[in-house]
Structure formats: C-alpha cells, structure tokens
Amino acid sequence: MSPLRQADPIDAVPAARMQLARLVPEHRPRVTRAHRRLRARFGGAWIADSADVRLLYESDDRPVAYFPLADVRFDLLEFRQRLTNHPQLGLTTWYAVSVNGRTVESAAWYHVEPPADVAEFADLVALSWAVMEGCYEDELRRSAAS
C-alpha cells in the first residue's frame, strides 16, 4: 500500500483553468481505469474503497480519481447546496465530509448529468485528496487463472 496524490478539480484554481484554456483550447478530458484498489481515509474512517476507479486527466497534472457510488460512504458525506458547472462534465454538486465531529467543506463532488460523450461519469464520485488524511493504492490480486 502506498500513499496517493491527485489533482483537485481545475475549477478550484481559476488561474490554472485560464492557463489550460490558452495552452489547450480544445482540450477534452481523458479517462482510464485505475487497475488498482484505491482507498481514502478521513477522521479514522474509510470514506471510499474500490477496485473499480476511473482516473480523469484534465491536463498533464495528476489525475482525479472517481469512485462508484456504491463504494463511497455517503453516510459520512453531507450534501451542500453548492453547485458549479464543469466545462466538460456539466452540473456538479458538492459535499462536505463529517466524521467524529470534524467537518471539512468541498471534500467530494458528483457530476449530476454528464453529457453523452462522458456518460461514464454518471454514478461516480470524486474525493479531494487534499482533504483526506490518507489516500492509498494497492495492487489488485490476480486470480490463479490469469
């Protein structure tokens, strides 16, 4: 198991968004599967744990990990009325993480209705690695048949 780093959403850094637009005016996000088990921890609790994570590359920076809804502890996330609009992924809702009396805003986000060309983001949630206390990746075990 090793610690993991990821980029926060490009919307969070306006200067980076403007620089990216100048450098890559027709940039489209690139998505791959992680092919590793990824986990995120906050306040002593596992917030997400999945072997089916998608990695979104919006620039040459670190990717953003997106977890399937079923692999995220929504009982530890609090919906906020904050909405933003991602240039390629559409309307985005934001969540705070709250564990053992400790709450941090903008800890997770979800794209409500991604456009058809990025429909794979439906039912996926991203977590801010900067907010999490620990983010880990593990090799996937191969079956004896492989």
N, C-alpha and C. Protein backbone atom coordinates (compact mmCIF):
# COMPACT_ATOMS: atom_id res chain seq x y z
N MET A 1 0.86 -1.16 0.00
CA MET A 1 0.00 0.00 0.00
C MET A 1 0.90 1.22 0.00
N SER A 2 0.55 2.21 -0.82
CA SER A 2 1.35 3.42 -0.87
C SER A 2 0.45 4.65 -0.89
N PRO A 3 0.92 5.77 -0.33
CA PRO A 3 0.12 6.99 -0.36
C PRO A 3 -0.09 7.45 -1.80
N LEU A 4 -1.15 8.18 -2.02
CA LEU A 4 -1.52 8.58 -3.36
C LEU A 4 -1.77 10.08 -3.39
N ARG A 5 -1.49 10.71 -4.51
CA ARG A 5 -1.76 12.14 -4.68
C ARG A 5 -2.61 12.31 -5.92
N GLN A 6 -3.45 13.33 -5.91
CA GLN A 6 -4.27 13.63 -7.08
C GLN A 6 -4.46 15.12 -7.18
N ALA A 7 -4.85 15.55 -8.33
CA ALA A 7 -5.16 16.96 -8.53
C ALA A 7 -6.57 17.24 -8.02
N ASP A 8 -6.80 18.45 -7.51
CA ASP A 8 -8.14 18.89 -7.19
C ASP A 8 -8.77 19.38 -8.48
N PRO A 9 -10.09 19.56 -8.53
CA PRO A 9 -10.72 19.94 -9.78
C PRO A 9 -10.19 21.27 -10.29
N ILE A 10 -10.04 21.35 -11.59
CA ILE A 10 -9.46 22.54 -12.19
C ILE A 10 -10.29 23.78 -11.90
N ASP A 11 -11.60 23.62 -11.64
CA ASP A 11 -12.45 24.76 -11.29
C ASP A 11 -11.98 25.45 -10.02
N ALA A 12 -11.28 24.72 -9.14
CA ALA A 12 -10.86 25.28 -7.88
C ALA A 12 -9.73 26.30 -8.04
N VAL A 13 -9.05 26.31 -9.17
CA VAL A 13 -7.91 27.20 -9.38
C VAL A 13 -8.14 27.98 -10.68
N PRO A 14 -8.79 29.17 -10.60
CA PRO A 14 -9.11 29.92 -11.82
C PRO A 14 -7.91 30.20 -12.70
N ALA A 15 -6.75 30.53 -12.10
CA ALA A 15 -5.57 30.83 -12.91
C ALA A 15 -5.14 29.60 -13.72
N ALA A 16 -5.22 28.44 -13.10
CA ALA A 16 -4.85 27.20 -13.81
C ALA A 16 -5.83 26.93 -14.93
N ARG A 17 -7.10 27.20 -14.70
CA ARG A 17 -8.11 26.99 -15.74
C ARG A 17 -7.84 27.90 -16.93
N MET A 18 -7.50 29.17 -16.67
CA MET A 18 -7.21 30.10 -17.76
C MET A 18 -5.95 29.68 -18.51
N GLN A 19 -4.93 29.24 -17.79
CA GLN A 19 -3.70 28.81 -18.43
C GLN A 19 -3.97 27.58 -19.29
N LEU A 20 -4.74 26.65 -18.79
CA LEU A 20 -5.07 25.45 -19.55
C LEU A 20 -5.82 25.82 -20.82
N ALA A 21 -6.75 26.75 -20.74
CA ALA A 21 -7.51 27.17 -21.93
C ALA A 21 -6.59 27.77 -22.98
N ARG A 22 -5.56 28.52 -22.55
CA ARG A 22 -4.63 29.10 -23.51
C ARG A 22 -3.77 28.02 -24.16
N LEU A 23 -3.32 27.07 -23.38
CA LEU A 23 -2.41 26.04 -23.89
C LEU A 23 -3.12 24.98 -24.72
N VAL A 24 -4.31 24.59 -24.28
CA VAL A 24 -5.04 23.51 -24.93
C VAL A 24 -6.48 23.96 -25.13
N PRO A 25 -6.74 24.80 -26.14
CA PRO A 25 -8.08 25.37 -26.27
C PRO A 25 -9.19 24.36 -26.51
N GLU A 26 -8.89 23.24 -27.14
CA GLU A 26 -9.93 22.24 -27.41
C GLU A 26 -9.69 20.98 -26.59
N HIS A 27 -9.18 21.14 -25.41
CA HIS A 27 -8.88 20.01 -24.54
C HIS A 27 -10.13 19.22 -24.18
N ARG A 28 -10.03 17.92 -24.25
CA ARG A 28 -11.10 17.02 -23.81
C ARG A 28 -10.52 16.15 -22.71
N PRO A 29 -11.31 15.86 -21.69
CA PRO A 29 -10.80 15.00 -20.62
C PRO A 29 -10.50 13.60 -21.13
N ARG A 30 -9.48 12.99 -20.54
CA ARG A 30 -9.10 11.61 -20.88
C ARG A 30 -9.36 10.76 -19.65
N VAL A 31 -9.97 9.60 -19.85
CA VAL A 31 -10.35 8.73 -18.74
C VAL A 31 -9.71 7.36 -18.92
N THR A 32 -9.17 6.82 -17.82
CA THR A 32 -8.66 5.45 -17.82
C THR A 32 -9.14 4.77 -16.54
N ARG A 33 -9.05 3.46 -16.50
CA ARG A 33 -9.32 2.72 -15.26
C ARG A 33 -8.04 2.68 -14.44
N ALA A 34 -8.20 2.70 -13.14
CA ALA A 34 -7.04 2.74 -12.25
C ALA A 34 -6.27 1.42 -12.24
N HIS A 35 -6.95 0.30 -12.42
CA HIS A 35 -6.32 -1.03 -12.36
C HIS A 35 -5.60 -1.26 -11.03
N ARG A 36 -6.07 -0.58 -10.00
CA ARG A 36 -5.57 -0.73 -8.65
C ARG A 36 -6.74 -0.47 -7.70
N ARG A 37 -6.61 -0.99 -6.50
CA ARG A 37 -7.59 -0.69 -5.46
C ARG A 37 -7.19 0.65 -4.85
N LEU A 38 -8.12 1.59 -4.80
CA LEU A 38 -7.86 2.90 -4.20
C LEU A 38 -8.75 3.07 -2.98
N ARG A 39 -8.18 3.69 -1.93
CA ARG A 39 -8.93 3.92 -0.69
C ARG A 39 -8.61 5.32 -0.17
N ALA A 40 -9.61 5.92 0.49
CA ALA A 40 -9.42 7.24 1.09
C ALA A 40 -9.93 7.20 2.52
N ARG A 41 -9.17 7.84 3.41
CA ARG A 41 -9.48 7.82 4.84
C ARG A 41 -9.59 9.25 5.38
N PHE A 42 -10.55 9.45 6.29
CA PHE A 42 -10.73 10.76 6.95
C PHE A 42 -11.28 10.52 8.35
N GLY A 43 -10.69 11.18 9.32
CA GLY A 43 -11.19 11.09 10.70
C GLY A 43 -11.20 9.67 11.25
N GLY A 44 -10.27 8.83 10.77
CA GLY A 44 -10.21 7.45 11.24
C GLY A 44 -11.19 6.52 10.55
N ALA A 45 -11.92 7.01 9.56
CA ALA A 45 -12.90 6.17 8.84
C ALA A 45 -12.53 6.09 7.36
N TRP A 46 -12.81 4.94 6.77
CA TRP A 46 -12.63 4.80 5.32
C TRP A 46 -13.82 5.45 4.63
N ILE A 47 -13.56 6.45 3.80
CA ILE A 47 -14.60 7.17 3.09
C ILE A 47 -14.94 6.47 1.78
N ALA A 48 -13.93 5.91 1.13
CA ALA A 48 -14.14 5.20 -0.14
C ALA A 48 -13.12 4.07 -0.24
N ASP A 49 -13.53 2.99 -0.89
CA ASP A 49 -12.68 1.82 -1.08
C ASP A 49 -13.19 1.10 -2.32
N SER A 50 -12.37 1.07 -3.39
CA SER A 50 -12.86 0.48 -4.63
C SER A 50 -11.73 -0.06 -5.50
N ALA A 51 -12.04 -1.12 -6.23
CA ALA A 51 -11.14 -1.66 -7.25
C ALA A 51 -11.65 -1.29 -8.64
N ASP A 52 -12.65 -0.40 -8.71
CA ASP A 52 -13.27 -0.02 -9.99
C ASP A 52 -13.25 1.50 -10.16
N VAL A 53 -12.09 2.11 -9.96
CA VAL A 53 -11.95 3.56 -10.00
C VAL A 53 -11.58 4.02 -11.40
N ARG A 54 -12.15 5.17 -11.82
CA ARG A 54 -11.78 5.80 -13.08
C ARG A 54 -10.87 6.98 -12.75
N LEU A 55 -9.88 7.22 -13.59
CA LEU A 55 -8.98 8.35 -13.41
C LEU A 55 -9.24 9.36 -14.53
N LEU A 56 -9.52 10.58 -14.14
CA LEU A 56 -9.78 11.65 -15.10
C LEU A 56 -8.53 12.52 -15.20
N TYR A 57 -8.01 12.63 -16.43
CA TYR A 57 -6.88 13.51 -16.70
C TYR A 57 -7.41 14.72 -17.44
N GLU A 58 -7.34 15.89 -16.78
CA GLU A 58 -7.79 17.13 -17.42
C GLU A 58 -6.61 17.92 -17.95
N SER A 59 -5.44 17.58 -17.55
CA SER A 59 -4.22 18.25 -18.01
C SER A 59 -3.09 17.24 -17.82
N ASP A 60 -1.86 17.69 -17.93
CA ASP A 60 -0.72 16.79 -17.71
C ASP A 60 -0.42 16.61 -16.23
N ASP A 61 -1.24 17.20 -15.37
CA ASP A 61 -1.07 17.09 -13.93
C ASP A 61 -1.56 15.72 -13.45
N ARG A 62 -1.59 15.53 -12.16
CA ARG A 62 -2.09 14.28 -11.58
C ARG A 62 -3.57 14.11 -11.91
N PRO A 63 -4.02 12.88 -12.03
CA PRO A 63 -5.44 12.65 -12.34
C PRO A 63 -6.33 12.81 -11.11
N VAL A 64 -7.62 12.89 -11.36
CA VAL A 64 -8.62 12.90 -10.31
C VAL A 64 -9.27 11.53 -10.31
N ALA A 65 -9.36 10.90 -9.14
CA ALA A 65 -9.95 9.56 -9.01
C ALA A 65 -11.44 9.68 -8.77
N TYR A 66 -12.21 8.92 -9.54
CA TYR A 66 -13.67 8.87 -9.39
C TYR A 66 -14.07 7.47 -8.96
N PHE A 67 -14.84 7.39 -7.85
CA PHE A 67 -15.27 6.14 -7.26
C PHE A 67 -16.73 5.86 -7.62
N PRO A 68 -17.10 4.59 -7.83
CA PRO A 68 -18.52 4.26 -7.99
C PRO A 68 -19.30 4.63 -6.73
N LEU A 69 -20.53 5.08 -6.90
CA LEU A 69 -21.37 5.48 -5.76
C LEU A 69 -21.41 4.41 -4.68
N ALA A 70 -21.52 3.16 -5.09
CA ALA A 70 -21.66 2.05 -4.14
C ALA A 70 -20.42 1.86 -3.25
N ASP A 71 -19.28 2.43 -3.69
CA ASP A 71 -18.03 2.25 -2.95
C ASP A 71 -17.66 3.46 -2.09
N VAL A 72 -18.60 4.39 -1.93
CA VAL A 72 -18.37 5.61 -1.16
C VAL A 72 -19.32 5.63 0.04
N ARG A 73 -18.81 6.02 1.20
CA ARG A 73 -19.61 6.10 2.42
C ARG A 73 -20.39 7.41 2.46
N PHE A 74 -21.56 7.43 1.84
CA PHE A 74 -22.37 8.65 1.81
C PHE A 74 -22.93 9.00 3.17
N ASP A 75 -22.93 8.06 4.11
CA ASP A 75 -23.36 8.40 5.46
C ASP A 75 -22.37 9.34 6.15
N LEU A 76 -21.16 9.47 5.59
CA LEU A 76 -20.15 10.36 6.14
C LEU A 76 -19.99 11.65 5.32
N LEU A 77 -20.79 11.77 4.26
CA LEU A 77 -20.76 12.97 3.43
C LEU A 77 -22.05 13.76 3.63
N GLU A 78 -21.94 15.07 3.61
CA GLU A 78 -23.11 15.94 3.78
C GLU A 78 -23.28 16.78 2.53
N PHE A 79 -24.44 16.65 1.89
CA PHE A 79 -24.74 17.42 0.68
C PHE A 79 -24.77 18.90 1.01
N ARG A 80 -24.19 19.70 0.15
CA ARG A 80 -24.22 21.16 0.28
C ARG A 80 -25.02 21.71 -0.90
N GLN A 81 -25.59 22.86 -0.74
CA GLN A 81 -26.36 23.49 -1.81
C GLN A 81 -25.46 24.13 -2.85
N ARG A 82 -24.18 23.89 -2.77
CA ARG A 82 -23.22 24.47 -3.72
C ARG A 82 -23.27 23.71 -5.03
N LEU A 83 -23.44 24.45 -6.12
CA LEU A 83 -23.45 23.87 -7.46
C LEU A 83 -22.45 24.65 -8.32
N THR A 84 -21.70 23.93 -9.15
CA THR A 84 -20.81 24.57 -10.10
C THR A 84 -21.04 23.90 -11.45
N ASN A 85 -20.42 24.44 -12.47
CA ASN A 85 -20.56 23.87 -13.81
C ASN A 85 -19.18 23.53 -14.36
N HIS A 86 -18.91 22.25 -14.53
CA HIS A 86 -17.65 21.80 -15.10
C HIS A 86 -17.74 21.95 -16.62
N PRO A 87 -16.70 22.48 -17.27
CA PRO A 87 -16.79 22.74 -18.71
C PRO A 87 -17.13 21.51 -19.56
N GLN A 88 -16.65 20.34 -19.21
CA GLN A 88 -16.94 19.13 -19.99
C GLN A 88 -17.92 18.18 -19.32
N LEU A 89 -18.04 18.23 -18.00
CA LEU A 89 -18.84 17.24 -17.28
C LEU A 89 -20.16 17.78 -16.74
N GLY A 90 -20.42 19.07 -16.93
CA GLY A 90 -21.71 19.63 -16.58
C GLY A 90 -21.89 19.99 -15.12
N LEU A 91 -23.16 20.06 -14.72
CA LEU A 91 -23.55 20.47 -13.38
C LEU A 91 -22.92 19.56 -12.32
N THR A 92 -22.30 20.18 -11.32
CA THR A 92 -21.58 19.45 -10.27
C THR A 92 -22.12 19.85 -8.91
N THR A 93 -22.43 18.84 -8.07
CA THR A 93 -22.86 19.08 -6.69
C THR A 93 -21.68 18.78 -5.77
N TRP A 94 -21.66 19.45 -4.61
CA TRP A 94 -20.54 19.35 -3.69
C TRP A 94 -20.99 18.83 -2.33
N TYR A 95 -20.05 18.17 -1.64
CA TYR A 95 -20.32 17.55 -0.35
C TYR A 95 -19.20 17.90 0.63
N ALA A 96 -19.56 17.98 1.90
CA ALA A 96 -18.59 18.08 2.99
C ALA A 96 -18.41 16.67 3.54
N VAL A 97 -17.26 16.41 4.14
CA VAL A 97 -17.05 15.15 4.85
C VAL A 97 -17.14 15.46 6.34
N SER A 98 -17.82 14.59 7.08
CA SER A 98 -18.01 14.83 8.51
C SER A 98 -17.86 13.51 9.26
N VAL A 99 -16.83 13.44 10.10
CA VAL A 99 -16.55 12.23 10.88
C VAL A 99 -16.12 12.65 12.28
N ASN A 100 -16.71 12.04 13.29
CA ASN A 100 -16.33 12.27 14.69
C ASN A 100 -16.29 13.75 15.04
N GLY A 101 -17.30 14.51 14.60
CA GLY A 101 -17.39 15.92 14.93
C GLY A 101 -16.49 16.83 14.12
N ARG A 102 -15.76 16.30 13.19
CA ARG A 102 -14.87 17.11 12.35
C ARG A 102 -15.47 17.18 10.95
N THR A 103 -15.69 18.39 10.43
CA THR A 103 -16.29 18.58 9.12
C THR A 103 -15.38 19.44 8.26
N VAL A 104 -15.20 19.03 7.00
CA VAL A 104 -14.41 19.80 6.04
C VAL A 104 -15.25 19.96 4.77
N GLU A 105 -15.35 21.20 4.30
CA GLU A 105 -16.13 21.51 3.10
C GLU A 105 -15.40 21.07 1.83
N SER A 106 -16.15 20.97 0.76
CA SER A 106 -15.62 20.67 -0.59
C SER A 106 -14.75 19.43 -0.61
N ALA A 107 -15.20 18.40 0.08
CA ALA A 107 -14.44 17.16 0.18
C ALA A 107 -14.75 16.18 -0.95
N ALA A 108 -15.94 16.32 -1.54
CA ALA A 108 -16.35 15.39 -2.61
C ALA A 108 -17.25 16.13 -3.58
N TRP A 109 -17.30 15.63 -4.81
CA TRP A 109 -18.18 16.21 -5.82
C TRP A 109 -18.71 15.13 -6.75
N TYR A 110 -19.83 15.45 -7.36
CA TYR A 110 -20.57 14.50 -8.19
C TYR A 110 -21.15 15.26 -9.38
N HIS A 111 -20.96 14.74 -10.57
CA HIS A 111 -21.50 15.37 -11.78
C HIS A 111 -22.91 14.82 -12.01
N VAL A 112 -23.90 15.70 -11.93
CA VAL A 112 -25.30 15.31 -11.90
C VAL A 112 -25.75 14.60 -13.17
N GLU A 113 -25.58 15.22 -14.32
CA GLU A 113 -25.97 14.61 -15.60
C GLU A 113 -24.89 14.88 -16.63
N PRO A 114 -23.82 14.08 -16.63
CA PRO A 114 -22.75 14.32 -17.59
C PRO A 114 -23.27 14.17 -19.03
N PRO A 115 -22.72 14.94 -19.98
CA PRO A 115 -23.12 14.79 -21.39
C PRO A 115 -22.87 13.37 -21.89
N ALA A 116 -23.52 13.03 -22.98
CA ALA A 116 -23.46 11.67 -23.53
C ALA A 116 -22.02 11.23 -23.83
N ASP A 117 -21.17 12.14 -24.29
CA ASP A 117 -19.80 11.73 -24.65
C ASP A 117 -18.93 11.42 -23.43
N VAL A 118 -19.41 11.75 -22.24
CA VAL A 118 -18.70 11.40 -21.00
C VAL A 118 -19.67 10.75 -20.01
N ALA A 119 -20.59 9.97 -20.55
CA ALA A 119 -21.65 9.34 -19.74
C ALA A 119 -21.09 8.40 -18.67
N GLU A 120 -19.86 7.93 -18.85
CA GLU A 120 -19.29 7.03 -17.85
C GLU A 120 -19.11 7.70 -16.49
N PHE A 121 -19.23 9.04 -16.41
CA PHE A 121 -19.12 9.73 -15.14
C PHE A 121 -20.43 9.74 -14.35
N ALA A 122 -21.50 9.25 -14.97
CA ALA A 122 -22.75 9.11 -14.22
C ALA A 122 -22.49 8.10 -13.11
N ASP A 123 -22.96 8.38 -11.94
CA ASP A 123 -22.84 7.48 -10.78
C ASP A 123 -21.39 7.31 -10.30
N LEU A 124 -20.56 8.33 -10.49
CA LEU A 124 -19.21 8.33 -9.96
C LEU A 124 -19.01 9.57 -9.08
N VAL A 125 -18.23 9.42 -8.01
CA VAL A 125 -17.96 10.49 -7.06
C VAL A 125 -16.45 10.67 -6.94
N ALA A 126 -16.01 11.92 -6.93
CA ALA A 126 -14.59 12.22 -6.71
C ALA A 126 -14.39 12.76 -5.31
N LEU A 127 -13.24 12.45 -4.74
CA LEU A 127 -12.88 12.96 -3.42
C LEU A 127 -11.65 13.84 -3.55
N SER A 128 -11.58 14.88 -2.74
CA SER A 128 -10.40 15.75 -2.73
C SER A 128 -9.32 15.08 -1.88
N TRP A 129 -8.24 14.69 -2.53
CA TRP A 129 -7.13 14.07 -1.79
C TRP A 129 -6.56 15.05 -0.78
N ALA A 130 -6.58 16.35 -1.07
CA ALA A 130 -6.04 17.35 -0.15
C ALA A 130 -6.81 17.37 1.17
N VAL A 131 -8.08 17.01 1.15
CA VAL A 131 -8.92 16.99 2.35
C VAL A 131 -8.72 15.69 3.13
N MET A 132 -8.53 14.59 2.43
CA MET A 132 -8.42 13.29 3.09
C MET A 132 -7.13 13.19 3.89
N GLU A 133 -7.18 12.44 4.97
CA GLU A 133 -5.99 12.24 5.81
C GLU A 133 -5.05 11.22 5.21
N GLY A 134 -5.59 10.33 4.42
CA GLY A 134 -4.76 9.33 3.78
C GLY A 134 -5.46 8.77 2.56
N CYS A 135 -4.70 8.60 1.49
CA CYS A 135 -5.21 8.01 0.26
C CYS A 135 -4.20 6.95 -0.15
N TYR A 136 -4.70 5.77 -0.45
CA TYR A 136 -3.82 4.63 -0.67
C TYR A 136 -4.19 3.89 -1.93
N GLU A 137 -3.17 3.26 -2.52
CA GLU A 137 -3.41 2.38 -3.65
C GLU A 137 -2.76 1.04 -3.38
N ASP A 138 -3.42 -0.02 -3.80
CA ASP A 138 -2.93 -1.38 -3.63
C ASP A 138 -3.00 -2.09 -4.97
N GLU A 139 -2.06 -2.98 -5.20
CA GLU A 139 -2.11 -3.83 -6.39
C GLU A 139 -3.35 -4.70 -6.32
N LEU A 140 -3.97 -4.93 -7.45
CA LEU A 140 -5.09 -5.88 -7.49
C LEU A 140 -4.52 -7.28 -7.54
N ARG A 141 -5.10 -8.16 -6.79
CA ARG A 141 -4.66 -9.57 -6.80
C ARG A 141 -5.14 -10.23 -8.05
N ARG A 142 -4.28 -10.99 -8.68
CA ARG A 142 -4.67 -11.72 -9.88
C ARG A 142 -5.17 -13.10 -9.48
N SER A 143 -6.18 -13.56 -10.21
CA SER A 143 -6.70 -14.89 -9.93
C SER A 143 -5.71 -15.92 -10.45
N ALA A 144 -5.84 -17.13 -9.97
CA ALA A 144 -4.97 -18.22 -10.39
C ALA A 144 -5.11 -18.50 -11.88
N ALA A 145 -6.25 -18.17 -12.46
CA ALA A 145 -6.50 -18.42 -13.89
C ALA A 145 -5.77 -17.42 -14.79
N SER A 146 -5.35 -16.24 -14.25
CA SER A 146 -4.73 -15.25 -15.13
C SER A 146 -3.25 -15.36 -15.22
